[in-house]
N, C-alpha and C. Protein backbone atom coordinates (compact mmCIF):
# COMPACT_ATOMS: atom_id res chain seq x y z
N MET A 1 -31.65 -3.49 -0.38
CA MET A 1 -32.02 -4.49 0.60
C MET A 1 -33.23 -4.07 1.17
N GLU A 2 -34.32 -5.19 1.03
CA GLU A 2 -35.51 -5.00 1.74
C GLU A 2 -35.40 -5.07 3.20
N THR A 3 -36.16 -4.30 3.79
CA THR A 3 -36.32 -4.53 5.19
C THR A 3 -37.61 -5.48 5.36
N GLU A 4 -37.65 -5.94 6.64
CA GLU A 4 -38.65 -7.00 6.80
C GLU A 4 -40.19 -6.42 6.57
N GLU A 5 -40.38 -5.12 6.89
CA GLU A 5 -41.65 -4.60 6.56
C GLU A 5 -42.02 -4.51 4.97
N GLU A 6 -41.00 -4.12 4.05
CA GLU A 6 -41.02 -4.14 2.98
C GLU A 6 -41.26 -5.62 2.24
N LYS A 7 -40.54 -6.73 2.89
CA LYS A 7 -40.80 -7.82 2.49
C LYS A 7 -42.38 -8.45 2.77
N LEU A 8 -42.86 -8.15 3.90
CA LEU A 8 -44.21 -8.48 4.08
C LEU A 8 -45.29 -7.83 3.35
N THR A 9 -44.78 -6.59 2.94
CA THR A 9 -45.80 -5.91 2.03
C THR A 9 -45.57 -6.52 0.63
N ILE A 10 -44.79 -6.86 0.11
CA ILE A 10 -44.34 -7.40 -1.18
C ILE A 10 -44.98 -8.99 -1.05
N ALA A 11 -44.84 -9.74 -0.05
CA ALA A 11 -45.56 -10.93 0.25
C ALA A 11 -46.96 -11.09 0.10
N ARG A 12 -47.74 -10.02 0.74
CA ARG A 12 -49.08 -10.06 1.13
C ARG A 12 -49.56 -9.53 -0.59
N ARG A 13 -49.05 -8.45 -1.08
CA ARG A 13 -49.54 -7.90 -2.27
C ARG A 13 -49.18 -8.81 -3.61
N HIS A 14 -48.27 -9.69 -3.66
CA HIS A 14 -47.66 -10.14 -4.67
C HIS A 14 -47.57 -11.74 -4.67
N LEU A 15 -46.49 -11.91 -3.75
CA LEU A 15 -46.06 -13.35 -3.72
C LEU A 15 -46.99 -14.37 -3.15
N VAL A 16 -47.79 -14.03 -2.24
CA VAL A 16 -49.01 -15.00 -1.87
C VAL A 16 -50.01 -15.07 -2.97
N PRO A 17 -50.50 -14.21 -3.47
CA PRO A 17 -51.44 -14.33 -4.63
C PRO A 17 -50.64 -15.10 -5.88
N LYS A 18 -49.64 -14.94 -6.12
CA LYS A 18 -48.88 -15.60 -7.09
C LYS A 18 -48.83 -17.12 -7.01
N GLN A 19 -48.43 -17.36 -5.63
CA GLN A 19 -48.12 -18.83 -5.35
C GLN A 19 -49.56 -19.54 -5.13
N ARG A 20 -50.56 -18.72 -4.59
CA ARG A 20 -51.84 -19.33 -4.57
C ARG A 20 -52.37 -19.94 -6.15
N LYS A 21 -52.12 -18.94 -7.10
CA LYS A 21 -52.48 -19.15 -8.32
C LYS A 21 -51.91 -20.46 -8.92
N GLU A 22 -50.40 -20.19 -8.83
CA GLU A 22 -49.62 -21.37 -9.51
C GLU A 22 -49.93 -22.75 -8.64
N ASN A 23 -50.34 -23.00 -7.48
CA ASN A 23 -50.72 -24.04 -6.89
C ASN A 23 -52.19 -24.53 -6.79
N GLY A 24 -52.92 -23.62 -7.55
CA GLY A 24 -54.33 -23.94 -7.92
C GLY A 24 -55.18 -23.79 -6.55
N LEU A 25 -54.71 -23.03 -5.99
CA LEU A 25 -55.51 -22.83 -4.59
C LEU A 25 -56.43 -21.74 -4.79
N ALA A 26 -57.96 -21.63 -4.06
CA ALA A 26 -58.72 -20.49 -4.25
C ALA A 26 -58.16 -19.59 -3.08
N GLU A 27 -58.73 -18.42 -3.34
CA GLU A 27 -58.40 -17.30 -2.16
C GLU A 27 -58.93 -17.81 -0.77
N LYS A 28 -60.03 -18.35 -0.98
CA LYS A 28 -60.58 -18.51 0.35
C LYS A 28 -60.15 -19.98 0.85
N ALA A 29 -59.39 -20.56 0.32
CA ALA A 29 -58.85 -21.86 0.63
C ALA A 29 -57.59 -21.82 1.42
N LEU A 30 -57.03 -20.61 1.50
CA LEU A 30 -55.93 -20.33 2.08
C LEU A 30 -55.94 -18.96 2.75
N ALA A 31 -55.94 -18.82 4.07
CA ALA A 31 -55.49 -17.31 4.52
C ALA A 31 -54.13 -17.38 5.22
N PHE A 32 -53.52 -16.36 4.66
CA PHE A 32 -52.24 -16.20 5.11
C PHE A 32 -51.96 -14.82 5.98
N PRO A 33 -52.11 -14.96 7.09
CA PRO A 33 -52.22 -13.61 7.96
C PRO A 33 -50.83 -13.08 8.18
N GLU A 34 -50.89 -11.99 8.87
CA GLU A 34 -49.58 -10.93 8.99
C GLU A 34 -48.77 -12.03 10.02
N ASP A 35 -49.01 -12.50 11.07
CA ASP A 35 -48.17 -13.24 11.84
C ASP A 35 -47.56 -14.57 11.21
N ALA A 36 -48.18 -15.09 10.25
CA ALA A 36 -47.49 -16.43 9.54
C ALA A 36 -46.64 -15.79 8.56
N LEU A 37 -47.00 -14.58 8.14
CA LEU A 37 -45.93 -14.28 6.89
C LEU A 37 -44.72 -13.60 7.74
N ARG A 38 -44.92 -12.97 8.88
CA ARG A 38 -43.77 -12.55 9.57
C ARG A 38 -42.80 -13.77 10.03
N THR A 39 -43.56 -14.85 10.35
CA THR A 39 -42.72 -15.93 10.82
C THR A 39 -41.80 -16.51 9.66
N VAL A 40 -42.27 -16.63 8.45
CA VAL A 40 -41.69 -16.82 7.17
C VAL A 40 -40.51 -15.74 6.98
N VAL A 41 -40.68 -14.65 7.04
CA VAL A 41 -39.78 -13.66 7.01
C VAL A 41 -38.71 -13.71 7.76
N GLU A 42 -38.91 -13.87 9.34
CA GLU A 42 -38.08 -13.73 10.36
C GLU A 42 -37.03 -14.87 10.60
N GLU A 43 -38.13 -16.13 10.13
CA GLU A 43 -37.19 -17.40 10.39
C GLU A 43 -36.59 -18.18 9.40
N TYR A 44 -37.08 -17.93 8.05
CA TYR A 44 -36.75 -18.86 6.84
C TYR A 44 -36.18 -17.82 5.59
N THR A 45 -36.09 -16.41 5.93
CA THR A 45 -35.38 -15.90 4.97
C THR A 45 -34.20 -14.76 5.35
N ARG A 46 -33.19 -15.35 5.43
CA ARG A 46 -31.92 -14.78 5.86
C ARG A 46 -31.31 -13.70 4.96
N GLU A 47 -31.41 -13.97 3.60
CA GLU A 47 -30.69 -12.97 2.52
C GLU A 47 -31.69 -11.72 2.28
N ALA A 48 -31.28 -10.83 1.71
CA ALA A 48 -31.71 -9.54 1.45
C ALA A 48 -32.92 -9.75 0.43
N GLY A 49 -32.63 -10.70 -0.57
CA GLY A 49 -33.69 -10.63 -1.64
C GLY A 49 -34.86 -11.42 -1.33
N LEU A 50 -35.82 -11.49 -2.42
CA LEU A 50 -37.11 -11.91 -2.28
C LEU A 50 -37.09 -13.66 -2.78
N ARG A 51 -36.31 -14.05 -3.28
CA ARG A 51 -36.56 -15.42 -4.04
C ARG A 51 -36.60 -16.49 -3.03
N ASN A 52 -35.94 -16.46 -1.80
CA ASN A 52 -36.25 -17.69 -0.99
C ASN A 52 -37.36 -17.16 -0.21
N LEU A 53 -37.95 -15.90 0.10
CA LEU A 53 -39.12 -15.86 0.58
C LEU A 53 -40.35 -16.32 -0.39
N GLU A 54 -40.30 -16.20 -1.61
CA GLU A 54 -41.37 -16.54 -2.59
C GLU A 54 -41.36 -18.28 -2.43
N ARG A 55 -39.92 -18.91 -2.40
CA ARG A 55 -39.88 -20.46 -2.19
C ARG A 55 -40.50 -20.86 -0.92
N GLU A 56 -40.14 -20.32 0.15
CA GLU A 56 -40.83 -20.59 1.33
C GLU A 56 -42.53 -20.59 1.40
N ILE A 57 -43.00 -19.46 0.67
CA ILE A 57 -44.28 -19.20 0.72
C ILE A 57 -44.93 -20.36 -0.31
N GLY A 58 -44.21 -20.63 -1.50
CA GLY A 58 -44.62 -21.61 -2.24
C GLY A 58 -44.59 -23.14 -1.60
N SER A 59 -43.59 -23.39 -0.77
CA SER A 59 -43.71 -24.63 -0.18
C SER A 59 -44.72 -24.70 0.85
N CYS A 60 -45.42 -23.52 1.46
CA CYS A 60 -46.55 -23.74 2.42
C CYS A 60 -47.73 -23.85 1.57
N CYS A 61 -47.92 -23.07 0.33
CA CYS A 61 -49.03 -23.45 -0.53
C CYS A 61 -49.00 -24.94 -1.20
N ARG A 62 -48.06 -25.51 -1.49
CA ARG A 62 -48.00 -26.84 -2.04
C ARG A 62 -48.15 -27.92 -0.88
N LYS A 63 -47.89 -27.74 0.14
CA LYS A 63 -48.34 -28.78 1.33
C LYS A 63 -49.91 -28.49 1.44
N LEU A 64 -50.45 -27.38 1.56
CA LEU A 64 -51.69 -27.36 1.62
C LEU A 64 -52.38 -27.95 0.48
N ALA A 65 -52.12 -27.66 -0.93
CA ALA A 65 -52.42 -28.29 -2.07
C ALA A 65 -52.47 -29.81 -2.04
N VAL A 66 -51.54 -30.32 -1.27
CA VAL A 66 -51.29 -31.77 -1.12
C VAL A 66 -52.33 -32.15 -0.03
N ARG A 67 -52.64 -31.51 1.01
CA ARG A 67 -53.58 -31.84 1.90
C ARG A 67 -55.01 -32.01 1.24
N ILE A 68 -55.16 -30.70 0.52
CA ILE A 68 -56.58 -30.65 -0.11
C ILE A 68 -56.73 -31.89 -1.19
N ALA A 69 -55.74 -32.34 -1.87
CA ALA A 69 -55.74 -33.46 -2.77
C ALA A 69 -56.05 -34.81 -2.06
N SER A 70 -55.61 -35.06 -1.10
CA SER A 70 -55.83 -36.10 -0.29
C SER A 70 -57.01 -36.10 0.42
N GLY A 71 -57.98 -35.12 0.36
CA GLY A 71 -59.36 -35.24 1.07
C GLY A 71 -59.60 -34.11 1.93
N ASN A 72 -58.54 -33.71 2.37
CA ASN A 72 -58.85 -32.68 3.59
C ASN A 72 -59.25 -31.25 3.06
N ALA A 73 -60.22 -31.00 2.57
CA ALA A 73 -60.82 -29.69 1.44
C ALA A 73 -61.31 -28.61 2.64
N ARG A 74 -61.07 -28.69 3.53
CA ARG A 74 -61.61 -27.38 4.37
C ARG A 74 -60.55 -26.22 4.30
N PRO A 75 -61.09 -25.16 4.48
CA PRO A 75 -60.00 -23.89 4.43
C PRO A 75 -59.05 -23.90 5.51
N VAL A 76 -57.88 -23.42 5.28
CA VAL A 76 -56.93 -23.33 6.17
C VAL A 76 -56.57 -21.95 6.49
N ARG A 77 -56.44 -21.47 7.65
CA ARG A 77 -55.92 -20.29 8.34
C ARG A 77 -54.29 -20.53 8.47
N MET A 78 -53.22 -20.20 7.89
CA MET A 78 -51.74 -20.35 8.19
C MET A 78 -51.54 -19.64 9.50
N THR A 79 -50.85 -20.65 10.21
CA THR A 79 -50.46 -19.90 11.43
C THR A 79 -48.93 -20.23 11.69
N PRO A 80 -48.24 -19.53 12.51
CA PRO A 80 -46.72 -19.55 12.79
C PRO A 80 -46.53 -21.03 12.97
N ALA A 81 -47.42 -21.81 13.72
CA ALA A 81 -46.99 -23.41 13.94
C ALA A 81 -47.08 -24.01 12.72
N LEU A 82 -48.02 -23.69 11.64
CA LEU A 82 -48.18 -24.24 10.79
C LEU A 82 -47.03 -24.02 9.53
N VAL A 83 -46.47 -22.91 9.89
CA VAL A 83 -45.41 -22.63 8.81
C VAL A 83 -44.17 -23.28 9.40
N ARG A 84 -44.10 -23.48 10.71
CA ARG A 84 -42.63 -24.16 11.04
C ARG A 84 -42.95 -25.70 10.66
N GLU A 85 -44.16 -26.21 10.70
CA GLU A 85 -44.24 -27.71 10.47
C GLU A 85 -43.87 -27.87 8.79
């Protein structure tokens, strides 16, 4: 069973880069700081595994990709409020 800190480390090192790539986002197009990742872990992933965490990060990336595709192409810094949105 992963602790919250382990989940944050795995998300930062592996899941966020993987989801950026899968959703066609450049690294500079999306900043996913610690506080936003912590919000995802604490509020949206209740089970011990990482599957739902990756889904939630992917959901945030897809929403950003849609914004970029609709013409809003400026870089985004994820915040806890945007995660909840």
